[in-house]
């Protein structure tokens, strides 16, 4: 059996080592990543719930009933599809009260779908 070595392999290894060394203090970067993960965990711990809604065509307001929502909640909307993403600039949280989320939006000929999460 004959072993054939690829002369490009040593160069690839040296290039990879150079990339790793060029990254600076790996320990510092890992600590920064860990801090970011911890911050995300803290945020996730505050999420009270989520849901989705669909706007009705030819209306300017959609009422979402969710018993977990309180007037102290903060709501974040995310479009569910591409045409909803195109319209995100014309959709807003109009009012939040206990159990009711009122979404304001520009009247459209088609319905729009959004996901939401809420924190307190």
PDB file of N, CA and C in Angstrom:
ATOM      1  N   UNK A   1       0.846  -1.166   0.000  1.00  0.00           N
ATOM      2  CA  UNK A   1       0.000   0.000   0.000  1.00  0.00           C
ATOM      3  C   UNK A   1       0.894   1.231   0.000  1.00  0.00           C
ATOM      4  N   UNK A   2       0.539   2.165  -0.807  1.00  0.00           N
ATOM      5  CA  UNK A   2       1.346   3.363  -0.928  1.00  0.00           C
ATOM      6  C   UNK A   2       0.537   4.555  -0.402  1.00  0.00           C
ATOM      7  N   UNK A   3       1.136   5.357   0.471  1.00  0.00           N
ATOM      8  CA  UNK A   3       0.498   6.540   1.026  1.00  0.00           C
ATOM      9  C   UNK A   3       0.935   7.745   0.209  1.00  0.00           C
ATOM     10  N   UNK A   4      -0.045   8.457  -0.284  1.00  0.00           N
ATOM     11  CA  UNK A   4       0.248   9.653  -1.065  1.00  0.00           C
ATOM     12  C   UNK A   4      -0.207  10.851  -0.240  1.00  0.00           C
ATOM     13  N   UNK A   5       0.717  11.763   0.003  1.00  0.00           N
ATOM     14  CA  UNK A   5       0.401  12.952   0.792  1.00  0.00           C
ATOM     15  C   UNK A   5       0.106  14.116  -0.137  1.00  0.00           C
ATOM     16  N   UNK A   6      -0.940  14.838   0.214  1.00  0.00           N
ATOM     17  CA  UNK A   6      -1.321  16.015  -0.559  1.00  0.00           C
ATOM     18  C   UNK A   6      -0.461  17.177  -0.075  1.00  0.00           C
ATOM     19  N   UNK A   7       0.366  17.762  -0.930  1.00  0.00           N
ATOM     20  CA  UNK A   7       1.241  18.865  -0.495  1.00  0.00           C
ATOM     21  C   UNK A   7       0.456  20.105  -0.079  1.00  0.00           C
ATOM     22  N   UNK A   8      -0.799  20.193  -0.457  1.00  0.00           N
ATOM     23  CA  UNK A   8      -1.605  21.340  -0.075  1.00  0.00           C
ATOM     24  C   UNK A   8      -2.092  21.232   1.368  1.00  0.00           C
ATOM     25  N   UNK A   9      -2.035  20.045   1.953  1.00  0.00           N
ATOM     26  CA  UNK A   9      -2.543  19.828   3.307  1.00  0.00           C
ATOM     27  C   UNK A   9      -1.794  20.680   4.331  1.00  0.00           C
ATOM     28  N   UNK A  10      -0.484  20.718   4.256  1.00  0.00           N
ATOM     29  CA  UNK A  10       0.296  21.519   5.210  1.00  0.00           C
ATOM     30  C   UNK A  10      -0.083  22.996   5.104  1.00  0.00           C
ATOM     31  N   UNK A  11      -0.278  23.476   3.891  1.00  0.00           N
ATOM     32  CA  UNK A  11      -0.672  24.875   3.710  1.00  0.00           C
ATOM     33  C   UNK A  11      -2.046  25.124   4.320  1.00  0.00           C
ATOM     34  N   UNK A  12      -2.973  24.195   4.121  1.00  0.00           N
ATOM     35  CA  UNK A  12      -4.312  24.350   4.692  1.00  0.00           C
ATOM     36  C   UNK A  12      -4.243  24.409   6.214  1.00  0.00           C
ATOM     37  N   UNK A  13      -3.436  23.554   6.802  1.00  0.00           N
ATOM     38  CA  UNK A  13      -3.290  23.550   8.262  1.00  0.00           C
ATOM     39  C   UNK A  13      -2.684  24.865   8.730  1.00  0.00           C
ATOM     40  N   UNK A  14      -1.641  25.330   8.064  1.00  0.00           N
ATOM     41  CA  UNK A  14      -1.026  26.607   8.437  1.00  0.00           C
ATOM     42  C   UNK A  14      -2.013  27.767   8.280  1.00  0.00           C
ATOM     43  N   UNK A  15      -2.823  27.732   7.231  1.00  0.00           N
ATOM     44  CA  UNK A  15      -3.826  28.783   7.041  1.00  0.00           C
ATOM     45  C   UNK A  15      -4.847  28.765   8.179  1.00  0.00           C
ATOM     46  N   UNK A  16      -5.280  27.579   8.580  1.00  0.00           N
ATOM     47  CA  UNK A  16      -6.243  27.466   9.669  1.00  0.00           C
ATOM     48  C   UNK A  16      -5.646  27.978  10.971  1.00  0.00           C
ATOM     49  N   UNK A  17      -4.403  27.630  11.252  1.00  0.00           N
ATOM     50  CA  UNK A  17      -3.745  28.122  12.465  1.00  0.00           C
ATOM     51  C   UNK A  17      -3.645  29.640  12.424  1.00  0.00           C
ATOM     52  N   UNK A  18      -3.311  30.186  11.261  1.00  0.00           N
ATOM     53  CA  UNK A  18      -3.233  31.634  11.117  1.00  0.00           C
ATOM     54  C   UNK A  18      -4.572  32.312  11.382  1.00  0.00           C
ATOM     55  N   UNK A  19      -5.657  31.696  10.904  1.00  0.00           N
ATOM     56  CA  UNK A  19      -6.979  32.252  11.153  1.00  0.00           C
ATOM     57  C   UNK A  19      -7.293  32.251  12.640  1.00  0.00           C
ATOM     58  N   UNK A  20      -6.986  31.159  13.308  1.00  0.00           N
ATOM     59  CA  UNK A  20      -7.253  31.060  14.741  1.00  0.00           C
ATOM     60  C   UNK A  20      -6.412  32.078  15.508  1.00  0.00           C
ATOM     61  N   UNK A  21      -5.132  32.168  15.187  1.00  0.00           N
ATOM     62  CA  UNK A  21      -4.263  33.109  15.886  1.00  0.00           C
ATOM     63  C   UNK A  21      -4.661  34.551  15.589  1.00  0.00           C
ATOM     64  N   UNK A  22      -5.183  34.802  14.401  1.00  0.00           N
ATOM     65  CA  UNK A  22      -5.579  36.147  14.020  1.00  0.00           C
ATOM     66  C   UNK A  22      -6.837  36.631  14.720  1.00  0.00           C
ATOM     67  N   UNK A  23      -7.502  35.751  15.418  1.00  0.00           N
ATOM     68  CA  UNK A  23      -8.740  36.119  16.104  1.00  0.00           C
ATOM     69  C   UNK A  23      -8.487  36.858  17.408  1.00  0.00           C
ATOM     70  N   UNK A  24      -7.257  36.966  17.828  1.00  0.00           N
ATOM     71  CA  UNK A  24      -6.963  37.680  19.068  1.00  0.00           C
ATOM     72  C   UNK A  24      -7.141  36.777  20.275  1.00  0.00           C
ATOM     73  N   UNK A  25      -7.584  37.361  21.367  1.00  0.00           N
ATOM     74  CA  UNK A  25      -7.744  36.652  22.632  1.00  0.00           C
ATOM     75  C   UNK A  25      -9.007  35.788  22.576  1.00  0.00           C
ATOM     76  N   UNK A  26      -8.827  34.503  22.336  1.00  0.00           N
ATOM     77  CA  UNK A  26      -9.958  33.571  22.237  1.00  0.00           C
ATOM     78  C   UNK A  26     -10.720  33.523  23.561  1.00  0.00           C
ATOM     79  N   UNK A  27     -10.013  33.550  24.676  1.00  0.00           N
ATOM     80  CA  UNK A  27     -10.665  33.509  25.989  1.00  0.00           C
ATOM     81  C   UNK A  27     -11.606  34.693  26.171  1.00  0.00           C
ATOM     82  N   UNK A  28     -11.157  35.869  25.740  1.00  0.00           N
ATOM     83  CA  UNK A  28     -11.987  37.069  25.857  1.00  0.00           C
ATOM     84  C   UNK A  28     -13.230  36.928  24.996  1.00  0.00           C
ATOM     85  N   UNK A  29     -13.054  36.427  23.779  1.00  0.00           N
ATOM     86  CA  UNK A  29     -14.198  36.251  22.888  1.00  0.00           C
ATOM     87  C   UNK A  29     -15.184  35.238  23.461  1.00  0.00           C
ATOM     88  N   UNK A  30     -14.677  34.172  24.036  1.00  0.00           N
ATOM     89  CA  UNK A  30     -15.566  33.173  24.647  1.00  0.00           C
ATOM     90  C   UNK A  30     -16.325  33.767  25.827  1.00  0.00           C
ATOM     91  N   UNK A  31     -15.664  34.608  26.622  1.00  0.00           N
ATOM     92  CA  UNK A  31     -16.350  35.274  27.737  1.00  0.00           C
ATOM     93  C   UNK A  31     -17.443  36.205  27.233  1.00  0.00           C
ATOM     94  N   UNK A  32     -17.175  36.918  26.128  1.00  0.00           N
ATOM     95  CA  UNK A  32     -18.180  37.801  25.546  1.00  0.00           C
ATOM     96  C   UNK A  32     -19.378  37.004  25.020  1.00  0.00           C
ATOM     97  N   UNK A  33     -19.099  35.878  24.399  1.00  0.00           N
ATOM     98  CA  UNK A  33     -20.177  35.020  23.904  1.00  0.00           C
ATOM     99  C   UNK A  33     -21.001  34.500  25.070  1.00  0.00           C
ATOM    100  N   UNK A  34     -20.319  34.075  26.140  1.00  0.00           N
ATOM    101  CA  UNK A  34     -21.032  33.570  27.313  1.00  0.00           C
ATOM    102  C   UNK A  34     -21.909  34.674  27.921  1.00  0.00           C
ATOM    103  N   UNK A  35     -21.399  35.891  27.999  1.00  0.00           N
ATOM    104  CA  UNK A  35     -22.182  37.004  28.544  1.00  0.00           C
ATOM    105  C   UNK A  35     -23.413  37.268  27.679  1.00  0.00           C
ATOM    106  N   UNK A  36     -23.259  37.182  26.372  1.00  0.00           N
ATOM    107  CA  UNK A  36     -24.397  37.373  25.470  1.00  0.00           C
ATOM    108  C   UNK A  36     -25.438  36.279  25.671  1.00  0.00           C
ATOM    109  N   UNK A  37     -24.986  35.054  25.830  1.00  0.00           N
ATOM    110  CA  UNK A  37     -25.908  33.939  26.063  1.00  0.00           C
ATOM    111  C   UNK A  37     -26.649  34.129  27.377  1.00  0.00           C
ATOM    112  N   UNK A  38     -25.941  34.558  28.419  1.00  0.00           N
ATOM    113  CA  UNK A  38     -26.586  34.794  29.713  1.00  0.00           C
ATOM    114  C   UNK A  38     -27.621  35.907  29.622  1.00  0.00           C
ATOM    115  N   UNK A  39     -27.317  36.955  28.858  1.00  0.00           N
ATOM    116  CA  UNK A  39     -28.278  38.047  28.680  1.00  0.00           C
ATOM    117  C   UNK A  39     -29.529  37.549  27.961  1.00  0.00           C
ATOM    118  N   UNK A  40     -29.342  36.689  26.953  1.00  0.00           N
ATOM    119  CA  UNK A  40     -30.494  36.118  26.259  1.00  0.00           C
ATOM    120  C   UNK A  40     -31.309  35.214  27.183  1.00  0.00           C
ATOM    121  N   UNK A  41     -30.630  34.443  28.018  1.00  0.00           N
ATOM    122  CA  UNK A  41     -31.340  33.593  28.972  1.00  0.00           C
ATOM    123  C   UNK A  41     -32.174  34.439  29.926  1.00  0.00           C
ATOM    124  N   UNK A  42     -31.626  35.561  30.372  1.00  0.00           N
ATOM    125  CA  UNK A  42     -32.365  36.445  31.282  1.00  0.00           C
ATOM    126  C   UNK A  42     -33.604  36.995  30.593  1.00  0.00           C
ATOM    127  N   UNK A  43     -33.473  37.344  29.313  1.00  0.00           N
ATOM    128  CA  UNK A  43     -34.621  37.852  28.566  1.00  0.00           C
ATOM    129  C   UNK A  43     -35.669  36.770  28.387  1.00  0.00           C
ATOM    130  N   UNK A  44     -35.236  35.582  28.014  1.00  0.00           N
ATOM    131  CA  UNK A  44     -36.170  34.480  27.809  1.00  0.00           C
ATOM    132  C   UNK A  44     -36.908  34.174  29.101  1.00  0.00           C
ATOM    133  N   UNK A  45     -36.248  34.322  30.234  1.00  0.00           N
ATOM    134  CA  UNK A  45     -36.901  34.077  31.510  1.00  0.00           C
ATOM    135  C   UNK A  45     -38.036  35.044  31.777  1.00  0.00           C
ATOM    136  N   UNK A  46     -38.039  36.194  31.118  1.00  0.00           N
ATOM    137  CA  UNK A  46     -39.070  37.203  31.324  1.00  0.00           C
ATOM    138  C   UNK A  46     -40.213  37.098  30.321  1.00  0.00           C
ATOM    139  N   UNK A  47     -40.048  36.256  29.311  1.00  0.00           N
ATOM    140  CA  UNK A  47     -41.113  36.097  28.331  1.00  0.00           C
ATOM    141  C   UNK A  47     -42.287  35.399  28.995  1.00  0.00           C
ATOM    142  N   UNK A  48     -43.441  36.034  28.937  1.00  0.00           N
ATOM    143  CA  UNK A  48     -44.634  35.480  29.587  1.00  0.00           C
ATOM    144  C   UNK A  48     -45.436  34.613  28.642  1.00  0.00           C
ATOM    145  N   UNK A  49     -45.371  34.899  27.354  1.00  0.00           N
ATOM    146  CA  UNK A  49     -46.152  34.107  26.417  1.00  0.00           C
ATOM    147  C   UNK A  49     -45.973  34.571  24.992  1.00  0.00           C
ATOM    148  N   UNK A  50     -46.664  33.880  24.105  1.00  0.00           N
ATOM    149  CA  UNK A  50     -46.585  34.200  22.687  1.00  0.00           C
ATOM    150  C   UNK A  50     -47.870  33.749  22.008  1.00  0.00           C
ATOM    151  N   UNK A  51     -48.018  34.165  20.787  1.00  0.00           N
ATOM    152  CA  UNK A  51     -49.183  33.762  20.025  1.00  0.00           C
ATOM    153  C   UNK A  51     -49.079  34.267  18.606  1.00  0.00           C
ATOM    154  N   UNK A  52     -50.171  34.155  17.891  1.00  0.00           N
ATOM    155  CA  UNK A  52     -50.214  34.666  16.527  1.00  0.00           C
ATOM    156  C   UNK A  52     -51.598  35.220  16.257  1.00  0.00           C
ATOM    157  N   UNK A  53     -51.664  36.094  15.281  1.00  0.00           N
ATOM    158  CA  UNK A  53     -52.950  36.658  14.893  1.00  0.00           C
ATOM    159  C   UNK A  53     -52.937  36.951  13.409  1.00  0.00           C
ATOM    160  N   UNK A  54     -54.125  37.111  12.871  1.00  0.00           N
ATOM    161  CA  UNK A  54     -54.295  37.449  11.472  1.00  0.00           C
ATOM    162  C   UNK A  54     -55.214  38.656  11.394  1.00  0.00           C
ATOM    163  N   UNK A  55     -54.793  39.658  10.646  1.00  0.00           N
ATOM    164  CA  UNK A  55     -55.641  40.833  10.483  1.00  0.00           C
ATOM    165  C   UNK A  55     -56.762  40.510   9.501  1.00  0.00           C
ATOM    166  N   UNK A  56     -57.911  41.098   9.721  1.00  0.00           N
ATOM    167  CA  UNK A  56     -59.026  40.919   8.790  1.00  0.00           C
ATOM    168  C   UNK A  56     -58.895  41.945   7.671  1.00  0.00           C
ATOM    169  N   UNK A  57     -59.190  41.553   6.438  1.00  0.00           N
ATOM    170  CA  UNK A  57     -59.113  42.516   5.331  1.00  0.00           C
ATOM    171  C   UNK A  57     -60.099  43.665   5.544  1.00  0.00           C
ATOM    172  N   UNK A  58     -59.735  44.817   5.043  1.00  0.00           N
ATOM    173  CA  UNK A  58     -60.605  46.005   5.066  1.00  0.00           C
ATOM    174  C   UNK A  58     -60.980  46.471   6.467  1.00  0.00           C
ATOM    175  N   UNK A  59     -60.113  46.243   7.442  1.00  0.00           N
ATOM    176  CA  UNK A  59     -60.312  46.786   8.779  1.00  0.00           C
ATOM    177  C   UNK A  59     -59.048  47.527   9.175  1.00  0.00           C
ATOM    178  N   UNK A  60     -59.149  48.386  10.148  1.00  0.00           N
ATOM    179  CA  UNK A  60     -57.985  49.142  10.609  1.00  0.00           C
ATOM    180  C   UNK A  60     -57.549  48.740  12.005  1.00  0.00           C
ATOM    181  N   UNK A  61     -58.166  47.686  12.534  1.00  0.00           N
ATOM    182  CA  UNK A  61     -57.870  47.297  13.912  1.00  0.00           C
ATOM    183  C   UNK A  61     -58.166  45.804  14.080  1.00  0.00           C
ATOM    184  N   UNK A  62     -57.307  45.129  14.830  1.00  0.00           N
ATOM    185  CA  UNK A  62     -57.522  43.719  15.153  1.00  0.00           C
ATOM    186  C   UNK A  62     -57.408  43.552  16.653  1.00  0.00           C
ATOM    187  N   UNK A  63     -58.346  42.856  17.246  1.00  0.00           N
ATOM    188  CA  UNK A  63     -58.353  42.597  18.688  1.00  0.00           C
ATOM    189  C   UNK A  63     -57.857  41.178  18.922  1.00  0.00           C
ATOM    190  N   UNK A  64     -56.833  41.051  19.764  1.00  0.00           N
ATOM    191  CA  UNK A  64     -56.289  39.746  20.128  1.00  0.00           C
ATOM    192  C   UNK A  64     -56.623  39.509  21.602  1.00  0.00           C
ATOM    193  N   UNK A  65     -57.312  38.420  21.875  1.00  0.00           N
ATOM    194  CA  UNK A  65     -57.646  38.076  23.258  1.00  0.00           C
ATOM    195  C   UNK A  65     -56.632  37.066  23.774  1.00  0.00           C
ATOM    196  N   UNK A  66     -55.959  37.418  24.853  1.00  0.00           N
ATOM    197  CA  UNK A  66     -54.964  36.536  25.468  1.00  0.00           C
ATOM    198  C   UNK A  66     -54.988  36.811  26.968  1.00  0.00           C
ATOM    199  N   UNK A  67     -55.492  35.876  27.762  1.00  0.00           N
ATOM    200  CA  UNK A  67     -55.651  36.132  29.187  1.00  0.00           C
ATOM    201  C   UNK A  67     -54.343  36.382  29.950  1.00  0.00           C
ATOM    202  N   UNK A  68     -53.210  36.018  29.348  1.00  0.00           N
ATOM    203  CA  UNK A  68     -51.925  36.226  30.031  1.00  0.00           C
ATOM    204  C   UNK A  68     -51.389  37.643  29.857  1.00  0.00           C
ATOM    205  N   UNK A  69     -51.906  38.377  28.905  1.00  0.00           N
ATOM    206  CA  UNK A  69     -51.438  39.747  28.660  1.00  0.00           C
ATOM    207  C   UNK A  69     -51.992  40.668  29.742  1.00  0.00           C
ATOM    208  N   UNK A  70     -51.110  41.518  30.266  1.00  0.00           N
ATOM    209  CA  UNK A  70     -51.533  42.534  31.229  1.00  0.00           C
ATOM    210  C   UNK A  70     -51.158  43.909  30.682  1.00  0.00           C
ATOM    211  N   UNK A  71     -51.660  44.927  31.309  1.00  0.00           N
ATOM    212  CA  UNK A  71     -51.369  46.290  30.853  1.00  0.00           C
ATOM    213  C   UNK A  71     -49.895  46.657  31.024  1.00  0.00           C
ATOM    214  N   UNK A  72     -49.149  45.868  31.800  1.00  0.00           N
ATOM    215  CA  UNK A  72     -47.720  46.128  32.016  1.00  0.00           C
ATOM    216  C   UNK A  72     -46.836  45.432  30.986  1.00  0.00           C
ATOM    217  N   UNK A  73     -47.418  44.631  30.118  1.00  0.00           N
ATOM    218  CA  UNK A  73     -46.641  43.850  29.145  1.00  0.00           C
ATOM    219  C   UNK A  73     -46.079  44.730  28.028  1.00  0.00           C
ATOM    220  N   UNK A  74     -44.971  44.262  27.493  1.00  0.00           N
ATOM    221  CA  UNK A  74     -44.397  44.828  26.271  1.00  0.00           C
ATOM    222  C   UNK A  74     -44.549  43.772  25.202  1.00  0.00           C
ATOM    223  N   UNK A  75     -45.007  44.163  24.036  1.00  0.00           N
ATOM    224  CA  UNK A  75     -45.306  43.212  22.970  1.00  0.00           C
ATOM    225  C   UNK A  75     -44.371  43.453  21.789  1.00  0.00           C
ATOM    226  N   UNK A  76     -43.853  42.355  21.236  1.00  0.00           N
ATOM    227  CA  UNK A  76     -43.005  42.409  20.052  1.00  0.00           C
ATOM    228  C   UNK A  76     -43.693  41.620  18.949  1.00  0.00           C
ATOM    229  N   UNK A  77     -43.804  42.238  17.774  1.00  0.00           N
ATOM    230  CA  UNK A  77     -44.448  41.599  16.631  1.00  0.00           C
ATOM    231  C   UNK A  77     -43.408  41.106  15.641  1.00  0.00           C
ATOM    232  N   UNK A  78     -43.716  39.994  14.979  1.00  0.00           N
ATOM    233  CA  UNK A  78     -42.858  39.463  13.925  1.00  0.00           C
ATOM    234  C   UNK A  78     -43.746  38.970  12.787  1.00  0.00           C
ATOM    235  N   UNK A  79     -43.448  39.367  11.561  1.00  0.00           N
ATOM    236  CA  UNK A  79     -44.265  38.927  10.434  1.00  0.00           C
ATOM    237  C   UNK A  79     -44.149  37.419  10.228  1.00  0.00           C
ATOM    238  N   UNK A  80     -45.245  36.811   9.816  1.00  0.00           N
ATOM    239  CA  UNK A  80     -45.302  35.365   9.634  1.00  0.00           C
ATOM    240  C   UNK A  80     -44.973  34.947   8.196  1.00  0.00           C
ATOM    241  N   UNK A  81     -45.077  35.880   7.263  1.00  0.00           N
ATOM    242  CA  UNK A  81     -44.805  35.556   5.865  1.00  0.00           C
ATOM    243  C   UNK A  81     -44.305  36.811   5.139  1.00  0.00           C
ATOM    244  N   UNK A  82     -43.967  36.654   3.869  1.00  0.00           N
ATOM    245  CA  UNK A  82     -43.314  37.753   3.148  1.00  0.00           C
ATOM    246  C   UNK A  82     -44.235  38.956   2.944  1.00  0.00           C
ATOM    247  N   UNK A  83     -45.503  38.755   2.638  1.00  0.00           N
ATOM    248  CA  UNK A  83     -46.370  39.917   2.428  1.00  0.00           C
ATOM    249  C   UNK A  83     -46.649  40.633   3.734  1.00  0.00           C
ATOM    250  N   UNK A  84     -46.630  39.896   4.846  1.00  0.00           N
ATOM    251  CA  UNK A  84     -46.759  40.556   6.149  1.00  0.00           C
ATOM    252  C   UNK A  84     -45.491  41.342   6.468  1.00  0.00           C
ATOM    253  N   UNK A  85     -44.350  40.804   6.077  1.00  0.00           N
ATOM    254  CA  UNK A  85     -43.088  41.523   6.287  1.00  0.00           C
ATOM    255  C   UNK A  85     -43.080  42.828   5.499  1.00  0.00           C
ATOM    256  N   UNK A  86     -43.632  42.799   4.296  1.00  0.00           N
ATOM    257  CA  UNK A  86     -43.710  44.026   3.490  1.00  0.00           C
ATOM    258  C   UNK A  86     -44.568  45.089   4.158  1.00  0.00           C
ATOM    259  N   UNK A  87     -45.555  44.655   4.961  1.00  0.00           N
ATOM    260  CA  UNK A  87     -46.498  45.594   5.586  1.00  0.00           C
ATOM    261  C   UNK A  87     -46.163  45.924   7.039  1.00  0.00           C
ATOM    262  N   UNK A  88     -45.039  45.433   7.564  1.00  0.00           N
ATOM    263  CA  UNK A  88     -44.735  45.603   8.990  1.00  0.00           C
ATOM    264  C   UNK A  88     -44.696  47.076   9.391  1.00  0.00           C
ATOM    265  N   UNK A  89     -44.334  47.957   8.492  1.00  0.00           N
ATOM    266  CA  UNK A  89     -44.284  49.382   8.818  1.00  0.00           C
ATOM    267  C   UNK A  89     -45.652  50.007   9.021  1.00  0.00           C
ATOM    268  N   UNK A  90     -46.696  49.281   8.653  1.00  0.00           N
ATOM    269  CA  UNK A  90     -48.052  49.819   8.803  1.00  0.00           C
ATOM    270  C   UNK A  90     -48.866  49.025   9.823  1.00  0.00           C
ATOM    271  N   UNK A  91     -48.170  48.356  10.745  1.00  0.00           N
ATOM    272  CA  UNK A  91     -48.820  47.587  11.811  1.00  0.00           C
ATOM    273  C   UNK A  91     -48.186  48.016  13.132  1.00  0.00           C
ATOM    274  N   UNK A  92     -49.005  48.261  14.144  1.00  0.00           N
ATOM    275  CA  UNK A  92     -48.477  48.726  15.423  1.00  0.00           C
ATOM    276  C   UNK A  92     -49.343  48.226  16.567  1.00  0.00           C
ATOM    277  N   UNK A  93     -48.763  48.236  17.760  1.00  0.00           N
ATOM    278  CA  UNK A  93     -49.517  47.912  18.971  1.00  0.00           C
ATOM    279  C   UNK A  93     -50.242  49.185  19.379  1.00  0.00           C
ATOM    280  N   UNK A  94     -51.550  49.152  19.287  1.00  0.00           N
ATOM    281  CA  UNK A  94     -52.353  50.338  19.558  1.00  0.00           C
ATOM    282  C   UNK A  94     -52.665  50.467  21.046  1.00  0.00           C
ATOM    283  N   UNK A  95     -52.988  49.333  21.690  1.00  0.00           N
ATOM    284  CA  UNK A  95     -53.350  49.381  23.104  1.00  0.00           C
ATOM    285  C   UNK A  95     -53.127  48.007  23.727  1.00  0.00           C
ATOM    286  N   UNK A  96     -52.748  48.024  25.002  1.00  0.00           N
ATOM    287  CA  UNK A  96     -52.578  46.788  25.766  1.00  0.00           C
ATOM    288  C   UNK A  96     -53.335  46.959  27.072  1.00  0.00           C
ATOM    289  N   UNK A  97     -54.235  46.041  27.326  1.00  0.00           N
ATOM    290  CA  UNK A  97     -54.943  46.040  28.608  1.00  0.00           C
ATOM    291  C   UNK A  97     -55.015  44.597  29.087  1.00  0.00           C
ATOM    292  N   UNK A  98     -55.544  44.388  30.256  1.00  0.00           N
ATOM    293  CA  UNK A  98     -55.587  43.041  30.817  1.00  0.00           C
ATOM    294  C   UNK A  98     -56.404  42.106  29.922  1.00  0.00           C
ATOM    295  N   UNK A  99     -55.708  41.141  29.321  1.00  0.00           N
ATOM    296  CA  UNK A  99     -56.350  40.134  28.485  1.00  0.00           C
ATOM    297  C   UNK A  99     -56.626  40.540  27.052  1.00  0.00           C
ATOM    298  N   UNK A 100     -56.311  41.801  26.694  1.00  0.00           N
ATOM    299  CA  UNK A 100     -56.646  42.285  25.348  1.00  0.00           C
ATOM    300  C   UNK A 100     -55.456  43.044  24.753  1.00  0.00           C
ATOM    301  N   UNK A 101     -55.132  42.683  23.531  1.00  0.00           N
ATOM    302  CA  UNK A 101     -54.093  43.357  22.763  1.00  0.00           C
ATOM    303  C   UNK A 101     -54.768  43.923  21.519  1.00  0.00           C
ATOM    304  N   UNK A 102     -54.689  45.235  21.347  1.00  0.00           N
ATOM    305  CA  UNK A 102     -55.300  45.866  20.178  1.00  0.00           C
ATOM    306  C   UNK A 102     -54.194  46.239  19.200  1.00  0.00           C
ATOM    307  N   UNK A 103     -54.305  45.704  17.995  1.00  0.00           N
ATOM    308  CA  UNK A 103     -53.320  45.949  16.945  1.00  0.00           C
ATOM    309  C   UNK A 103     -53.927  46.912  15.936  1.00  0.00           C
ATOM    310  N   UNK A 104     -53.256  48.019  15.702  1.00  0.00           N
ATOM    311  CA  UNK A 104     -53.676  48.952  14.668  1.00  0.00           C
ATOM    312  C   UNK A 104     -52.950  48.628  13.380  1.00  0.00           C
ATOM    313  N   UNK A 105     -53.602  48.824  12.260  1.00  0.00           N
ATOM    314  CA  UNK A 105     -52.953  48.557  10.965  1.00  0.00           C
ATOM    315  C   UNK A 105     -53.684  49.298   9.859  1.00  0.00           C
ATOM    316  N   UNK A 106     -52.977  49.525   8.799  1.00  0.00           N
ATOM    317  CA  UNK A 106     -53.557  50.151   7.622  1.00  0.00           C
ATOM    318  C   UNK A 106     -54.497  49.128   6.976  1.00  0.00           C
ATOM    319  N   UNK A 107     -55.596  49.610   6.460  1.00  0.00           N
ATOM    320  CA  UNK A 107     -56.544  48.707   5.793  1.00  0.00           C
ATOM    321  C   UNK A 107     -55.890  48.095   4.557  1.00  0.00           C
ATOM    322  N   UNK A 108     -55.975  46.782   4.453  1.00  0.00           N
ATOM    323  CA  UNK A 108     -55.425  46.059   3.305  1.00  0.00           C
ATOM    324  C   UNK A 108     -56.516  45.218   2.674  1.00  0.00           C
ATOM    325  N   UNK A 109     -56.296  44.868   1.439  1.00  0.00           N
ATOM    326  CA  UNK A 109     -57.250  43.981   0.772  1.00  0.00           C
ATOM    327  C   UNK A 109     -57.042  42.528   1.174  1.00  0.00           C
ATOM    328  N   UNK A 110     -55.872  42.212   1.684  1.00  0.00           N
ATOM    329  CA  UNK A 110     -55.592  40.838   2.097  1.00  0.00           C
ATOM    330  C   UNK A 110     -55.262  40.809   3.582  1.00  0.00           C
ATOM    331  N   UNK A 111     -55.449  39.669   4.189  1.00  0.00           N
ATOM    332  CA  UNK A 111     -55.134  39.546   5.609  1.00  0.00           C
ATOM    333  C   UNK A 111     -53.627  39.370   5.783  1.00  0.00           C
ATOM    334  N   UNK A 112     -53.138  39.794   6.933  1.00  0.00           N
ATOM    335  CA  UNK A 112     -51.721  39.693   7.273  1.00  0.00           C
ATOM    336  C   UNK A 112     -51.593  38.807   8.504  1.00  0.00           C
ATOM    337  N   UNK A 113     -50.510  38.021   8.576  1.00  0.00           N
ATOM    338  CA  UNK A 113     -50.295  37.140   9.729  1.00  0.00           C
ATOM    339  C   UNK A 113     -49.027  37.555  10.468  1.00  0.00           C
ATOM    340  N   UNK A 114     -49.140  37.617  11.796  1.00  0.00           N
ATOM    341  CA  UNK A 114     -48.017  37.997  12.641  1.00  0.00           C
ATOM    342  C   UNK A 114     -47.938  37.069  13.843  1.00  0.00           C
ATOM    343  N   UNK A 115     -46.725  36.871  14.312  1.00  0.00           N
ATOM    344  CA  UNK A 115     -46.477  36.217  15.592  1.00  0.00           C
ATOM    345  C   UNK A 115     -46.182  37.318  16.592  1.00  0.00           C
ATOM    346  N   UNK A 116     -46.396  37.039  17.858  1.00  0.00           N
ATOM    347  CA  UNK A 116     -46.045  38.013  18.877  1.00  0.00           C
ATOM    348  C   UNK A 116     -45.524  37.299  20.122  1.00  0.00           C
ATOM    349  N   UNK A 117     -44.669  37.997  20.845  1.00  0.00           N
ATOM    350  CA  UNK A 117     -44.262  37.562  22.183  1.00  0.00           C
ATOM    351  C   UNK A 117     -44.498  38.737  23.107  1.00  0.00           C
ATOM    352  N   UNK A 118     -44.712  38.423  24.378  1.00  0.00           N
ATOM    353  CA  UNK A 118     -44.886  39.524  25.319  1.00  0.00           C
ATOM    354  C   UNK A 118     -44.120  39.237  26.589  1.00  0.00           C
ATOM    355  N   UNK A 119     -43.559  40.311  27.117  1.00  0.00           N
ATOM    356  CA  UNK A 119     -42.762  40.270  28.346  1.00  0.00           C
ATOM    357  C   UNK A 119     -43.393  41.222  29.345  1.00  0.00           C
ATOM    358  N   UNK A 120     -42.975  41.089  30.578  1.00  0.00           N
ATOM    359  CA  UNK A 120     -43.467  42.024  31.588  1.00  0.00           C
ATOM    360  C   UNK A 120     -42.295  42.590  32.335  1.00  0.00           C
TER     361      UNK A 120
END
